[in-house]
Amino acid sequence: MNPSIEIHVDPLNPGQFFACCGLLELADRLWPGTEAAFAQNDCRFHLFGTGTLPELIRSIATAELEHCDPTDVTSSPIAIGAPFRRLRIDWWEHPVLEARDLKVWAGTMESYGIAASLQAALRSEQFHGPNLLDVGMVVANSDDPSKKKEPYYYDARRAPNAHSRDTGFSANDLGLNSIAHPAVELLCLIGLQVARPERQSRTRMYDYRTWTVPIPTNLLLAASSGAVSGLGGNAYRFENWFRTGQKKHKAFRSAMRLA
């Protein structure tokens, strides 16, 4: 069976892994019955459905995006609506600590405001190809395009330069803007609603697992945490790392492959 969509993936980037999970969830909400699997040593993500990648990305970029609690600027849940079956994204409000601890933004960063700006960025045709997870740019604020919007920090490529210990200053502390990868950041946020890494005994360490047998969305939660056997794939471990001296803001760091 040939895939209808192929995505290029860095399996050592947890943001890209969970972005793939988000992409499968949205594809299924647009084309019910879509399945997906990793291939080529986890460097490709294949969707088996009825649509094309440009159709899917255009739908994501123009979908209804709801600010579920307008009184909560920083942590309000978000909902994605038409043309998709409605999906509420609120995993950071989950009573289980393993979910809440995956929230990387803090302070004045806005859950909905960042999502809306990332969504607007996806309207570029640059995201219509298999390398959409590698398309980087400075993201404009959707409310005021003359200003910039920093992402959540799910893309592991941002983590090495996020802390003053590495660069001599913290970009977040100084309010600087830098290159973000909008597809990774937005789709990872969505993916964490339906897929979850397994928390380890060491603080802020998590494992996730790829799979090589095509699965539907109702297996995403179990498959991504390695709770289902017989699906093939590999296991990876990453740290959800404090990226500022305040120890409030976090970032997903690059993963290591487990034996």
C-alpha atoms as a PDB file:
ATOM      1  CA  MET A   1       0.000   0.000   0.000  1.00  0.00           C
ATOM      2  CA  ASN A   2       1.459   3.337  -1.071  1.00  0.00           C
ATOM      3  CA  PRO A   3       1.119   6.372   1.214  1.00  0.00           C
ATOM      4  CA  SER A   4      -0.909   9.344   0.031  1.00  0.00           C
ATOM      5  CA  ILE A   5       1.359  11.729   1.997  1.00  0.00           C
ATOM      6  CA  GLU A   6       5.050  11.484   2.949  1.00  0.00           C
ATOM      7  CA  ILE A   7       6.717  13.759   5.518  1.00  0.00           C
ATOM      8  CA  HIS A   8      10.460  14.074   6.186  1.00  0.00           C
ATOM      9  CA  VAL A   9      11.184  13.658   9.913  1.00  0.00           C
ATOM     10  CA  ASP A  10      14.108  13.929  12.312  1.00  0.00           C
ATOM     11  CA  PRO A  11      13.224  11.197  14.840  1.00  0.00           C
ATOM     12  CA  LEU A  12      15.648  12.730  17.377  1.00  0.00           C
ATOM     13  CA  ASN A  13      13.507  15.876  17.497  1.00  0.00           C
ATOM     14  CA  PRO A  14      10.581  15.143  19.869  1.00  0.00           C
ATOM     15  CA  GLY A  15       8.750  18.189  18.540  1.00  0.00           C
ATOM     16  CA  GLN A  16       8.765  16.670  15.065  1.00  0.00           C
ATOM     17  CA  PHE A  17       7.631  13.291  16.394  1.00  0.00           C
ATOM     18  CA  PHE A  18       4.584  14.737  18.154  1.00  0.00           C
ATOM     19  CA  ALA A  19       3.937  17.007  15.169  1.00  0.00           C
ATOM     20  CA  CYS A  20       3.514  13.829  13.126  1.00  0.00           C
ATOM     21  CA  CYS A  21       1.004  12.595  15.697  1.00  0.00           C
ATOM     22  CA  GLY A  22      -0.902  15.861  15.369  1.00  0.00           C
ATOM     23  CA  LEU A  23      -0.845  15.603  11.600  1.00  0.00           C
ATOM     24  CA  LEU A  24      -2.364  12.107  11.731  1.00  0.00           C
ATOM     25  CA  GLU A  25      -5.104  13.260  14.109  1.00  0.00           C
ATOM     26  CA  LEU A  26      -6.069  16.170  11.879  1.00  0.00           C
ATOM     27  CA  ALA A  27      -5.907  14.073   8.718  1.00  0.00           C
ATOM     28  CA  ASP A  28      -8.317  11.572  10.267  1.00  0.00           C
ATOM     29  CA  ARG A  29     -10.672  14.387  11.278  1.00  0.00           C
ATOM     30  CA  LEU A  30     -10.682  15.513   7.655  1.00  0.00           C
ATOM     31  CA  TRP A  31     -10.587  12.093   6.000  1.00  0.00           C
ATOM     32  CA  PRO A  32     -11.915   9.468   8.460  1.00  0.00           C
ATOM     33  CA  GLY A  33     -10.009   6.212   8.480  1.00  0.00           C
ATOM     34  CA  THR A  34      -6.574   7.702   7.758  1.00  0.00           C
ATOM     35  CA  GLU A  35      -3.696   5.661   9.201  1.00  0.00           C
ATOM     36  CA  ALA A  36       0.030   6.362   9.491  1.00  0.00           C
ATOM     37  CA  ALA A  37       3.428   4.788  10.184  1.00  0.00           C
ATOM     38  CA  PHE A  38       7.108   5.687  10.274  1.00  0.00           C
ATOM     39  CA  ALA A  39       9.512   4.343   7.648  1.00  0.00           C
ATOM     40  CA  GLN A  40      13.162   4.496   6.466  1.00  0.00           C
ATOM     41  CA  ASN A  41      14.672   4.226   9.948  1.00  0.00           C
ATOM     42  CA  ASP A  42      12.052   6.651  11.313  1.00  0.00           C
ATOM     43  CA  CYS A  43      13.096   9.443   8.915  1.00  0.00           C
ATOM     44  CA  ARG A  44       9.830   9.341   6.962  1.00  0.00           C
ATOM     45  CA  PHE A  45       6.229   9.568   8.181  1.00  0.00           C
ATOM     46  CA  HIS A  46       3.635   8.048   5.868  1.00  0.00           C
ATOM     47  CA  LEU A  47      -0.077   8.876   5.912  1.00  0.00           C
ATOM     48  CA  PHE A  48      -2.441   6.427   4.261  1.00  0.00           C
ATOM     49  CA  GLY A  49      -5.630   8.249   3.357  1.00  0.00           C
ATOM     50  CA  THR A  50      -7.524   9.860   0.520  1.00  0.00           C
ATOM     51  CA  GLY A  51      -6.146  13.414   0.463  1.00  0.00           C
ATOM     52  CA  THR A  52      -2.965  15.273  -0.416  1.00  0.00           C
ATOM     53  CA  LEU A  53      -0.526  17.227   1.726  1.00  0.00           C
ATOM     54  CA  PRO A  54      -1.370  20.643   0.187  1.00  0.00           C
ATOM     55  CA  GLU A  55      -5.066  19.979   0.902  1.00  0.00           C
ATOM     56  CA  LEU A  56      -4.313  19.069   4.511  1.00  0.00           C
ATOM     57  CA  ILE A  57      -2.043  22.046   5.177  1.00  0.00           C
ATOM     58  CA  ARG A  58      -4.464  24.496   3.546  1.00  0.00           C
ATOM     59  CA  SER A  59      -7.219  23.106   5.771  1.00  0.00           C
ATOM     60  CA  ILE A  60      -5.068  23.526   8.911  1.00  0.00           C
ATOM     61  CA  ALA A  61      -4.019  27.046   7.930  1.00  0.00           C
ATOM     62  CA  THR A  62      -7.598  28.232   7.376  1.00  0.00           C
ATOM     63  CA  ALA A  63      -9.458  26.188  10.007  1.00  0.00           C
ATOM     64  CA  GLU A  64     -11.611  27.819  12.647  1.00  0.00           C
ATOM     65  CA  LEU A  65      -9.451  28.435  15.719  1.00  0.00           C
ATOM     66  CA  GLU A  66     -11.328  29.114  18.933  1.00  0.00           C
ATOM     67  CA  HIS A  67     -10.038  30.900  22.027  1.00  0.00           C
ATOM     68  CA  CYS A  68     -12.050  28.810  24.483  1.00  0.00           C
ATOM     69  CA  ASP A  69     -11.588  31.111  27.499  1.00  0.00           C
ATOM     70  CA  PRO A  70     -11.000  34.724  26.357  1.00  0.00           C
ATOM     71  CA  THR A  71     -10.516  35.769  29.998  1.00  0.00           C
ATOM     72  CA  ASP A  72      -7.403  33.575  30.183  1.00  0.00           C
ATOM     73  CA  VAL A  73      -4.812  35.041  27.831  1.00  0.00           C
ATOM     74  CA  THR A  74      -1.876  32.806  28.761  1.00  0.00           C
ATOM     75  CA  SER A  75      -3.289  29.301  29.288  1.00  0.00           C
ATOM     76  CA  SER A  76      -6.729  29.125  27.676  1.00  0.00           C
ATOM     77  CA  PRO A  77      -7.637  25.891  25.904  1.00  0.00           C
ATOM     78  CA  ILE A  78      -7.885  26.109  22.125  1.00  0.00           C
ATOM     79  CA  ALA A  79     -10.310  24.390  19.758  1.00  0.00           C
ATOM     80  CA  ILE A  80      -9.835  23.602  16.079  1.00  0.00           C
ATOM     81  CA  GLY A  81     -13.085  23.518  14.112  1.00  0.00           C
ATOM     82  CA  ALA A  82     -14.314  23.399  10.516  1.00  0.00           C
ATOM     83  CA  PRO A  83     -13.364  21.885   8.154  1.00  0.00           C
ATOM     84  CA  PHE A  84     -12.213  19.401  10.836  1.00  0.00           C
ATOM     85  CA  ARG A  85     -14.337  17.573  13.358  1.00  0.00           C
ATOM     86  CA  ARG A  86     -13.898  19.845  16.368  1.00  0.00           C
ATOM     87  CA  LEU A  87     -10.858  19.105  18.547  1.00  0.00           C
ATOM     88  CA  ARG A  88     -10.398  20.802  21.917  1.00  0.00           C
ATOM     89  CA  ILE A  89      -6.736  21.163  22.919  1.00  0.00           C
ATOM     90  CA  ASP A  90      -6.456  21.428  26.684  1.00  0.00           C
ATOM     91  CA  TRP A  91      -4.010  18.708  27.729  1.00  0.00           C
ATOM     92  CA  TRP A  92      -2.102  21.133  30.026  1.00  0.00           C
ATOM     93  CA  GLU A  93      -5.214  21.294  32.227  1.00  0.00           C
ATOM     94  CA  HIS A  94      -5.201  17.515  32.688  1.00  0.00           C
ATOM     95  CA  PRO A  95      -5.077  16.418  36.348  1.00  0.00           C
ATOM     96  CA  VAL A  96      -2.320  13.913  35.539  1.00  0.00           C
ATOM     97  CA  LEU A  97       1.097  15.477  36.218  1.00  0.00           C
ATOM     98  CA  GLU A  98       2.672  13.732  33.226  1.00  0.00           C
ATOM     99  CA  ALA A  99       0.500  15.850  30.933  1.00  0.00           C
ATOM    100  CA  ARG A 100       0.743  19.173  32.742  1.00  0.00           C
ATOM    101  CA  ASP A 101       4.528  19.069  32.903  1.00  0.00           C
ATOM    102  CA  LEU A 102       4.790  19.069  29.097  1.00  0.00           C
ATOM    103  CA  LYS A 103       3.656  22.707  29.006  1.00  0.00           C
ATOM    104  CA  VAL A 104       6.748  24.692  27.985  1.00  0.00           C
ATOM    105  CA  TRP A 105       5.405  28.248  27.791  1.00  0.00           C
ATOM    106  CA  ALA A 106       4.936  30.473  30.832  1.00  0.00           C
ATOM    107  CA  GLY A 107       4.744  34.069  32.002  1.00  0.00           C
ATOM    108  CA  THR A 108       3.231  36.401  29.409  1.00  0.00           C
ATOM    109  CA  MET A 109       3.351  33.842  26.581  1.00  0.00           C
ATOM    110  CA  GLU A 110      -0.146  33.268  25.154  1.00  0.00           C
ATOM    111  CA  SER A 111      -1.524  29.822  24.341  1.00  0.00           C
ATOM    112  CA  TYR A 112      -4.048  31.084  21.779  1.00  0.00           C
ATOM    113  CA  GLY A 113      -2.020  34.040  20.512  1.00  0.00           C
ATOM    114  CA  ILE A 114       0.950  31.842  19.646  1.00  0.00           C
ATOM    115  CA  ALA A 115      -1.280  29.221  17.999  1.00  0.00           C
ATOM    116  CA  ALA A 116      -3.051  31.835  15.861  1.00  0.00           C
ATOM    117  CA  SER A 117       0.271  33.287  14.699  1.00  0.00           C
ATOM    118  CA  LEU A 118       1.693  29.860  13.860  1.00  0.00           C
ATOM    119  CA  GLN A 119      -1.489  28.983  11.973  1.00  0.00           C
ATOM    120  CA  ALA A 120      -1.236  32.183   9.930  1.00  0.00           C
ATOM    121  CA  ALA A 121       2.369  31.333   9.027  1.00  0.00           C
ATOM    122  CA  LEU A 122       1.212  27.982   7.599  1.00  0.00           C
ATOM    123  CA  ARG A 123      -0.691  29.813   4.845  1.00  0.00           C
ATOM    124  CA  SER A 124       2.570  30.002   2.908  1.00  0.00           C
ATOM    125  CA  GLU A 125       2.936  27.401   0.145  1.00  0.00           C
ATOM    126  CA  GLN A 126       6.382  26.613   1.564  1.00  0.00           C
ATOM    127  CA  PHE A 127       4.567  24.163   3.851  1.00  0.00           C
ATOM    128  CA  HIS A 128       3.003  22.164   1.013  1.00  0.00           C
ATOM    129  CA  GLY A 129       6.008  19.877   0.541  1.00  0.00           C
ATOM    130  CA  PRO A 130       7.374  16.865   2.440  1.00  0.00           C
ATOM    131  CA  ASN A 131       9.966  19.058   4.218  1.00  0.00           C
ATOM    132  CA  LEU A 132       7.320  21.205   5.953  1.00  0.00           C
ATOM    133  CA  LEU A 133       8.821  20.408   9.380  1.00  0.00           C
ATOM    134  CA  ASP A 134      12.086  22.035   8.248  1.00  0.00           C
ATOM    135  CA  VAL A 135      10.583  25.313   7.005  1.00  0.00           C
ATOM    136  CA  GLY A 136      11.847  28.040   9.343  1.00  0.00           C
ATOM    137  CA  MET A 137      11.008  31.740   9.665  1.00  0.00           C
ATOM    138  CA  VAL A 138      10.516  34.578  12.105  1.00  0.00           C
ATOM    139  CA  VAL A 139       6.789  34.324  12.894  1.00  0.00           C
ATOM    140  CA  ALA A 140       4.684  37.470  12.627  1.00  0.00           C
ATOM    141  CA  ASN A 141       2.084  38.316  15.275  1.00  0.00           C
ATOM    142  CA  SER A 142      -1.300  37.550  13.703  1.00  0.00           C
ATOM    143  CA  ASP A 143      -2.847  40.540  15.503  1.00  0.00           C
ATOM    144  CA  ASP A 144      -0.121  42.962  14.406  1.00  0.00           C
ATOM    145  CA  PRO A 145       2.136  41.694  11.584  1.00  0.00           C
ATOM    146  CA  SER A 146       4.629  44.499  12.278  1.00  0.00           C
ATOM    147  CA  LYS A 147       5.476  42.636  15.479  1.00  0.00           C
ATOM    148  CA  LYS A 148       6.891  39.146  15.930  1.00  0.00           C
ATOM    149  CA  LYS A 149       5.625  36.191  17.924  1.00  0.00           C
ATOM    150  CA  GLU A 150       7.899  33.717  19.681  1.00  0.00           C
ATOM    151  CA  PRO A 151       6.826  30.038  19.491  1.00  0.00           C
ATOM    152  CA  TYR A 152       6.193  27.576  22.301  1.00  0.00           C
ATOM    153  CA  TYR A 153       9.700  25.954  22.107  1.00  0.00           C
ATOM    154  CA  TYR A 154       8.666  22.417  21.181  1.00  0.00           C
ATOM    155  CA  ASP A 155      11.129  22.324  18.295  1.00  0.00           C
ATOM    156  CA  ALA A 156      14.366  20.890  19.714  1.00  0.00           C
ATOM    157  CA  ARG A 157      16.454  22.992  17.311  1.00  0.00           C
ATOM    158  CA  ARG A 158      15.730  26.046  19.481  1.00  0.00           C
ATOM    159  CA  ALA A 159      16.794  24.532  22.811  1.00  0.00           C
ATOM    160  CA  PRO A 160      20.631  24.722  22.485  1.00  0.00           C
ATOM    161  CA  ASN A 161      20.562  28.523  22.113  1.00  0.00           C
ATOM    162  CA  ALA A 162      17.738  29.260  24.542  1.00  0.00           C
ATOM    163  CA  HIS A 163      19.681  29.421  27.813  1.00  0.00           C
ATOM    164  CA  SER A 164      22.165  32.033  29.005  1.00  0.00           C
ATOM    165  CA  ARG A 165      24.506  29.215  30.033  1.00  0.00           C
ATOM    166  CA  ASP A 166      25.015  28.408  26.340  1.00  0.00           C
ATOM    167  CA  THR A 167      25.059  31.835  24.697  1.00  0.00           C
ATOM    168  CA  GLY A 168      25.997  34.274  27.436  1.00  0.00           C
ATOM    169  CA  PHE A 169      22.431  35.602  27.481  1.00  0.00           C
ATOM    170  CA  SER A 170      18.910  34.233  27.227  1.00  0.00           C
ATOM    171  CA  ALA A 171      16.968  35.208  24.095  1.00  0.00           C
ATOM    172  CA  ASN A 172      13.740  34.826  26.052  1.00  0.00           C
ATOM    173  CA  ASP A 173      14.985  37.023  28.926  1.00  0.00           C
ATOM    174  CA  LEU A 174      15.920  39.787  26.465  1.00  0.00           C
ATOM    175  CA  GLY A 175      12.728  39.509  24.416  1.00  0.00           C
ATOM    176  CA  LEU A 176      14.592  38.678  21.187  1.00  0.00           C
ATOM    177  CA  ASN A 177      13.068  36.967  18.152  1.00  0.00           C
ATOM    178  CA  SER A 178      14.647  34.116  16.231  1.00  0.00           C
ATOM    179  CA  ILE A 179      13.878  31.515  13.592  1.00  0.00           C
ATOM    180  CA  ALA A 180      10.992  29.193  14.430  1.00  0.00           C
ATOM    181  CA  HIS A 181       9.522  26.209  12.603  1.00  0.00           C
ATOM    182  CA  PRO A 182       5.755  26.880  12.634  1.00  0.00           C
ATOM    183  CA  ALA A 183       4.596  23.439  11.481  1.00  0.00           C
ATOM    184  CA  VAL A 184       6.559  21.710  14.251  1.00  0.00           C
ATOM    185  CA  GLU A 185       5.379  24.073  16.980  1.00  0.00           C
ATOM    186  CA  LEU A 186       1.656  24.076  16.142  1.00  0.00           C
ATOM    187  CA  LEU A 187       1.317  20.414  15.182  1.00  0.00           C
ATOM    188  CA  CYS A 188       3.248  19.316  18.282  1.00  0.00           C
ATOM    189  CA  LEU A 189       0.836  21.255  20.491  1.00  0.00           C
ATOM    190  CA  ILE A 190      -2.018  19.408  18.767  1.00  0.00           C
ATOM    191  CA  GLY A 191      -0.225  16.074  18.853  1.00  0.00           C
ATOM    192  CA  LEU A 192       0.205  16.194  22.627  1.00  0.00           C
ATOM    193  CA  GLN A 193      -3.588  16.154  22.951  1.00  0.00           C
ATOM    194  CA  VAL A 194      -3.764  12.679  21.432  1.00  0.00           C
ATOM    195  CA  ALA A 195      -0.273  11.240  22.048  1.00  0.00           C
ATOM    196  CA  ARG A 196       1.891  11.305  25.144  1.00  0.00           C
ATOM    197  CA  PRO A 197       5.493  10.343  26.012  1.00  0.00           C
ATOM    198  CA  GLU A 198       6.147   8.088  28.988  1.00  0.00           C
ATOM    199  CA  ARG A 199       7.539   9.948  31.976  1.00  0.00           C
ATOM    200  CA  GLN A 200      10.718   8.501  33.508  1.00  0.00           C
ATOM    201  CA  SER A 201      11.858   8.476  37.134  1.00  0.00           C
ATOM    202  CA  ARG A 202      14.428  11.196  36.396  1.00  0.00           C
ATOM    203  CA  THR A 203      12.860  14.640  36.553  1.00  0.00           C
ATOM    204  CA  ARG A 204      11.612  16.013  33.214  1.00  0.00           C
ATOM    205  CA  MET A 205      12.833  12.976  31.234  1.00  0.00           C
ATOM    206  CA  TYR A 206      10.429  11.301  28.790  1.00  0.00           C
ATOM    207  CA  ASP A 207      10.392   8.410  26.327  1.00  0.00           C
ATOM    208  CA  TYR A 208       8.477   8.109  23.065  1.00  0.00           C
ATOM    209  CA  ARG A 209       8.335   5.373  20.453  1.00  0.00           C
ATOM    210  CA  THR A 210       7.865   5.285  16.711  1.00  0.00           C
ATOM    211  CA  TRP A 211       5.956   2.513  14.929  1.00  0.00           C
ATOM    212  CA  THR A 212       6.280   0.946  11.486  1.00  0.00           C
ATOM    213  CA  VAL A 213       2.868  -0.735  11.233  1.00  0.00           C
ATOM    214  CA  PRO A 214       0.130   1.676  10.033  1.00  0.00           C
ATOM    215  CA  ILE A 215      -2.201   2.569  12.915  1.00  0.00           C
ATOM    216  CA  PRO A 216      -5.425   4.572  13.284  1.00  0.00           C
ATOM    217  CA  THR A 217      -5.733   7.554  15.614  1.00  0.00           C
ATOM    218  CA  ASN A 218      -7.302   5.562  18.456  1.00  0.00           C
ATOM    219  CA  LEU A 219      -3.938   3.829  18.986  1.00  0.00           C
ATOM    220  CA  LEU A 220      -1.855   7.021  19.044  1.00  0.00           C
ATOM    221  CA  LEU A 221      -1.773   7.433  22.824  1.00  0.00           C
ATOM    222  CA  ALA A 222      -0.687   3.848  23.464  1.00  0.00           C
ATOM    223  CA  ALA A 223       1.686   3.575  20.501  1.00  0.00           C
ATOM    224  CA  SER A 224       3.538   6.851  21.176  1.00  0.00           C
ATOM    225  CA  SER A 225       4.333   5.836  24.758  1.00  0.00           C
ATOM    226  CA  GLY A 226       5.404   2.316  23.769  1.00  0.00           C
ATOM    227  CA  ALA A 227       2.472   0.664  25.543  1.00  0.00           C
ATOM    228  CA  VAL A 228       1.577  -1.464  22.506  1.00  0.00           C
ATOM    229  CA  SER A 229       3.863  -4.300  21.372  1.00  0.00           C
ATOM    230  CA  GLY A 230       4.247  -5.643  17.872  1.00  0.00           C
ATOM    231  CA  LEU A 231       4.227  -2.283  16.059  1.00  0.00           C
ATOM    232  CA  GLY A 232       7.968  -2.108  15.357  1.00  0.00           C
ATOM    233  CA  GLY A 233       9.833   1.184  15.569  1.00  0.00           C
ATOM    234  CA  ASN A 234      12.394   2.548  18.013  1.00  0.00           C
ATOM    235  CA  ALA A 235      12.392   4.179  21.444  1.00  0.00           C
ATOM    236  CA  TYR A 236      13.807   7.653  22.174  1.00  0.00           C
ATOM    237  CA  ARG A 237      14.418   9.675  25.359  1.00  0.00           C
ATOM    238  CA  PHE A 238      14.433  13.469  25.750  1.00  0.00           C
ATOM    239  CA  GLU A 239      14.485  16.143  28.418  1.00  0.00           C
ATOM    240  CA  ASN A 240      11.877  18.860  28.878  1.00  0.00           C
ATOM    241  CA  TRP A 241      14.503  21.392  29.919  1.00  0.00           C
ATOM    242  CA  PHE A 242      14.350  24.712  31.765  1.00  0.00           C
ATOM    243  CA  ARG A 243      15.534  27.286  29.227  1.00  0.00           C
ATOM    244  CA  THR A 244      15.584  30.425  31.381  1.00  0.00           C
ATOM    245  CA  GLY A 245      17.182  31.313  34.667  1.00  0.00           C
ATOM    246  CA  GLN A 246      13.701  31.779  36.168  1.00  0.00           C
ATOM    247  CA  LYS A 247      13.047  28.018  35.801  1.00  0.00           C
ATOM    248  CA  LYS A 248       9.579  28.657  34.414  1.00  0.00           C
ATOM    249  CA  HIS A 249       9.970  28.423  30.644  1.00  0.00           C
ATOM    250  CA  LYS A 250      10.982  25.063  29.188  1.00  0.00           C
ATOM    251  CA  ALA A 251      12.074  23.605  25.856  1.00  0.00           C
ATOM    252  CA  PHE A 252      12.121  20.120  24.376  1.00  0.00           C
ATOM    253  CA  ARG A 253      15.749  19.056  23.886  1.00  0.00           C
ATOM    254  CA  SER A 254      16.996  16.637  21.226  1.00  0.00           C
ATOM    255  CA  ALA A 255      16.418  12.986  22.042  1.00  0.00           C
ATOM    256  CA  MET A 256      18.749  10.019  22.143  1.00  0.00           C
ATOM    257  CA  ARG A 257      17.833   6.696  20.624  1.00  0.00           C
ATOM    258  CA  LEU A 258      17.563   3.891  23.155  1.00  0.00           C
ATOM    259  CA  ALA A 259      19.057   0.477  22.461  1.00  0.00           C
END
